Amino acid sequence: MFYNRLKLVARKGTNLCDLIWPFKDFSIGKKVTRRIWWRYIDTYWTITRVVPKLINTETGHKRANIYGIYTWRGKTDNRETQIRSIKKKQWKFLDEEELKKFNQSKET
C-alpha cells in the first residue's frame, strides 16, 4: 500500500508537503532526503511531527510546519527542529534497504 501511494507522488520533482500529504499519518517516522544529499545515503530527516496549516482547494497547494530529527552522514542530532526548504521540489523517501546495506558495509 505504501509503494502504491508513493508511485502517485513520485513525479519529476516533489516538494515535501506533496510527498507526505497522501498518507493518513503524514509519514511520521519515515525518512526523507533531498536531491542534494543523494550521494550521502546516511543524510536524511526523520519526520516526527506535522502541523497542517492550509489547503487551497482551488490550486491544490498545501502548507504545513514539518518537524524532524536530522541525521548528517550518520551523526544524529537529537533535537526536533523544523525542516527547512520544504517547498523545494527535490524531496523523496529514503529507501530503508539501501540504508541497511550501507550501514552493514560501513561496519565491515
C-alpha atoms as a PDB file:
ATOM      1  CA  MET A   1       0.000   0.000   0.000  1.00  0.00           C
ATOM      2  CA  PHE A   2       2.846   2.373   0.857  1.00  0.00           C
ATOM      3  CA  TYR A   3       4.513   1.860  -2.506  1.00  0.00           C
ATOM      4  CA  ASN A   4       1.242   2.346  -4.444  1.00  0.00           C
ATOM      5  CA  ARG A   5       0.831   5.781  -2.898  1.00  0.00           C
ATOM      6  CA  LEU A   6       4.491   6.503  -3.433  1.00  0.00           C
ATOM      7  CA  LYS A   7       4.063   5.970  -7.170  1.00  0.00           C
ATOM      8  CA  LEU A   8       1.358   8.636  -7.211  1.00  0.00           C
ATOM      9  CA  VAL A   9       3.657  11.299  -5.806  1.00  0.00           C
ATOM     10  CA  ALA A  10       6.897  10.179  -7.480  1.00  0.00           C
ATOM     11  CA  ARG A  11       6.936  12.735 -10.273  1.00  0.00           C
ATOM     12  CA  LYS A  12       9.651  14.840 -11.817  1.00  0.00           C
ATOM     13  CA  GLY A  13      10.128  16.723  -8.570  1.00  0.00           C
ATOM     14  CA  THR A  14       8.043  16.758  -5.421  1.00  0.00           C
ATOM     15  CA  ASN A  15       8.003  19.160  -2.522  1.00  0.00           C
ATOM     16  CA  LEU A  16       7.829  17.720   0.971  1.00  0.00           C
ATOM     17  CA  CYS A  17       4.194  18.674   1.606  1.00  0.00           C
ATOM     18  CA  ASP A  18       3.027  16.925  -1.567  1.00  0.00           C
ATOM     19  CA  LEU A  19       5.159  13.900  -0.724  1.00  0.00           C
ATOM     20  CA  ILE A  20       3.740  13.274   2.754  1.00  0.00           C
ATOM     21  CA  TRP A  21       0.171  14.560   2.302  1.00  0.00           C
ATOM     22  CA  PRO A  22      -1.440  11.412   0.773  1.00  0.00           C
ATOM     23  CA  PHE A  23      -0.662   9.362   3.882  1.00  0.00           C
ATOM     24  CA  LYS A  24      -3.049   9.249   6.821  1.00  0.00           C
ATOM     25  CA  ASP A  25      -0.326   9.835   9.430  1.00  0.00           C
ATOM     26  CA  PHE A  26       1.642  12.299   7.224  1.00  0.00           C
ATOM     27  CA  SER A  27       4.506   9.761   7.064  1.00  0.00           C
ATOM     28  CA  ILE A  28       5.567  10.290  10.669  1.00  0.00           C
ATOM     29  CA  GLY A  29       8.568   8.077  11.382  1.00  0.00           C
ATOM     30  CA  LYS A  30       9.607   7.856   7.730  1.00  0.00           C
ATOM     31  CA  LYS A  31      12.956   9.102   6.455  1.00  0.00           C
ATOM     32  CA  VAL A  32      13.119  11.712   3.697  1.00  0.00           C
ATOM     33  CA  THR A  33      16.062  13.197   1.847  1.00  0.00           C
ATOM     34  CA  ARG A  34      16.731  15.996  -0.642  1.00  0.00           C
ATOM     35  CA  ARG A  35      18.311  15.640  -4.070  1.00  0.00           C
ATOM     36  CA  ILE A  36      21.463  17.487  -2.972  1.00  0.00           C
ATOM     37  CA  TRP A  37      22.113  14.771  -0.353  1.00  0.00           C
ATOM     38  CA  TRP A  38      21.510  11.717  -2.572  1.00  0.00           C
ATOM     39  CA  ARG A  39      25.208  10.932  -2.770  1.00  0.00           C
ATOM     40  CA  TYR A  40      25.288  10.733   1.043  1.00  0.00           C
ATOM     41  CA  ILE A  41      22.976   7.809   1.785  1.00  0.00           C
ATOM     42  CA  ASP A  42      23.268   8.387   5.542  1.00  0.00           C
ATOM     43  CA  THR A  43      22.000  12.006   5.401  1.00  0.00           C
ATOM     44  CA  TYR A  44      18.253  12.377   5.936  1.00  0.00           C
ATOM     45  CA  TRP A  45      15.410  13.779   8.042  1.00  0.00           C
ATOM     46  CA  THR A  46      13.180  11.529  10.164  1.00  0.00           C
ATOM     47  CA  ILE A  47       9.720  13.121  10.302  1.00  0.00           C
ATOM     48  CA  THR A  48       8.448  13.428  13.881  1.00  0.00           C
ATOM     49  CA  ARG A  49       5.577  15.936  13.727  1.00  0.00           C
ATOM     50  CA  VAL A  50       3.423  17.644  11.096  1.00  0.00           C
ATOM     51  CA  VAL A  51       1.214  20.672  11.764  1.00  0.00           C
ATOM     52  CA  PRO A  52      -1.070  21.192   8.731  1.00  0.00           C
ATOM     53  CA  LYS A  53      -1.739  24.864   8.041  1.00  0.00           C
ATOM     54  CA  LEU A  54      -3.704  25.327   4.847  1.00  0.00           C
ATOM     55  CA  ILE A  55      -5.060  23.534   1.820  1.00  0.00           C
ATOM     56  CA  ASN A  56      -6.075  25.757  -1.064  1.00  0.00           C
ATOM     57  CA  THR A  57      -8.856  23.781  -2.757  1.00  0.00           C
ATOM     58  CA  GLU A  58      -8.696  25.808  -5.971  1.00  0.00           C
ATOM     59  CA  THR A  59      -4.984  25.379  -6.665  1.00  0.00           C
ATOM     60  CA  GLY A  60      -4.270  22.290  -4.566  1.00  0.00           C
ATOM     61  CA  HIS A  61      -1.406  23.991  -2.694  1.00  0.00           C
ATOM     62  CA  LYS A  62      -0.695  22.644   0.753  1.00  0.00           C
ATOM     63  CA  ARG A  63       1.151  24.268   3.645  1.00  0.00           C
ATOM     64  CA  ALA A  64       2.391  22.775   6.883  1.00  0.00           C
ATOM     65  CA  ASN A  65       5.065  23.055   9.516  1.00  0.00           C
ATOM     66  CA  ILE A  66       7.059  19.835   9.391  1.00  0.00           C
ATOM     67  CA  TYR A  67       9.416  18.848  12.201  1.00  0.00           C
ATOM     68  CA  GLY A  68      12.009  16.136  12.341  1.00  0.00           C
ATOM     69  CA  ILE A  69      15.328  14.822  13.586  1.00  0.00           C
ATOM     70  CA  TYR A  70      18.257  15.494  11.292  1.00  0.00           C
ATOM     71  CA  THR A  71      20.968  12.948  10.531  1.00  0.00           C
ATOM     72  CA  TRP A  72      24.056  14.180   8.678  1.00  0.00           C
ATOM     73  CA  ARG A  73      26.439  11.474   7.471  1.00  0.00           C
ATOM     74  CA  GLY A  74      25.374   9.098  10.217  1.00  0.00           C
ATOM     75  CA  LYS A  75      25.516  11.589  13.110  1.00  0.00           C
ATOM     76  CA  THR A  76      22.050  12.206  14.550  1.00  0.00           C
ATOM     77  CA  ASP A  77      21.067  15.496  16.127  1.00  0.00           C
ATOM     78  CA  ASN A  78      18.717  14.502  18.961  1.00  0.00           C
ATOM     79  CA  ARG A  79      16.772  17.774  18.852  1.00  0.00           C
ATOM     80  CA  GLU A  80      13.484  18.049  16.995  1.00  0.00           C
ATOM     81  CA  THR A  81      13.726  21.017  14.637  1.00  0.00           C
ATOM     82  CA  GLN A  82      11.577  22.453  11.883  1.00  0.00           C
ATOM     83  CA  ILE A  83      12.540  21.166   8.448  1.00  0.00           C
ATOM     84  CA  ARG A  84      13.549  23.957   6.083  1.00  0.00           C
ATOM     85  CA  SER A  85      13.174  24.166   2.308  1.00  0.00           C
ATOM     86  CA  ILE A  86      10.034  22.039   2.274  1.00  0.00           C
ATOM     87  CA  LYS A  87       8.698  23.788  -0.853  1.00  0.00           C
ATOM     88  CA  LYS A  88      11.715  22.880  -2.987  1.00  0.00           C
ATOM     89  CA  LYS A  89      10.836  20.158  -5.481  1.00  0.00           C
ATOM     90  CA  GLN A  90      13.666  17.786  -4.627  1.00  0.00           C
ATOM     91  CA  TRP A  91      12.354  15.525  -1.851  1.00  0.00           C
ATOM     92  CA  LYS A  92      11.993  11.745  -1.836  1.00  0.00           C
ATOM     93  CA  PHE A  93      11.569   8.938   0.679  1.00  0.00           C
ATOM     94  CA  LEU A  94      14.791   7.232   1.704  1.00  0.00           C
ATOM     95  CA  ASP A  95      14.981   3.571   0.775  1.00  0.00           C
ATOM     96  CA  GLU A  96      15.377   1.667   4.048  1.00  0.00           C
ATOM     97  CA  GLU A  97      17.017  -1.303   2.308  1.00  0.00           C
ATOM     98  CA  GLU A  98      19.750   0.905   0.845  1.00  0.00           C
ATOM     99  CA  LEU A  99      20.405   2.404   4.268  1.00  0.00           C
ATOM    100  CA  LYS A 100      20.679  -1.059   5.883  1.00  0.00           C
ATOM    101  CA  LYS A 101      23.121  -2.226   3.217  1.00  0.00           C
ATOM    102  CA  PHE A 102      25.176   0.933   3.639  1.00  0.00           C
ATOM    103  CA  ASN A 103      25.357   0.540   7.423  1.00  0.00           C
ATOM    104  CA  GLN A 104      26.363  -3.130   7.102  1.00  0.00           C
ATOM    105  CA  SER A 105      29.126  -2.329   4.594  1.00  0.00           C
ATOM    106  CA  LYS A 106      30.324   0.510   6.835  1.00  0.00           C
ATOM    107  CA  GLU A 107      30.686  -1.851   9.821  1.00  0.00           C
ATOM    108  CA  THR A 108      32.837  -4.363   7.931  1.00  0.00           C
END
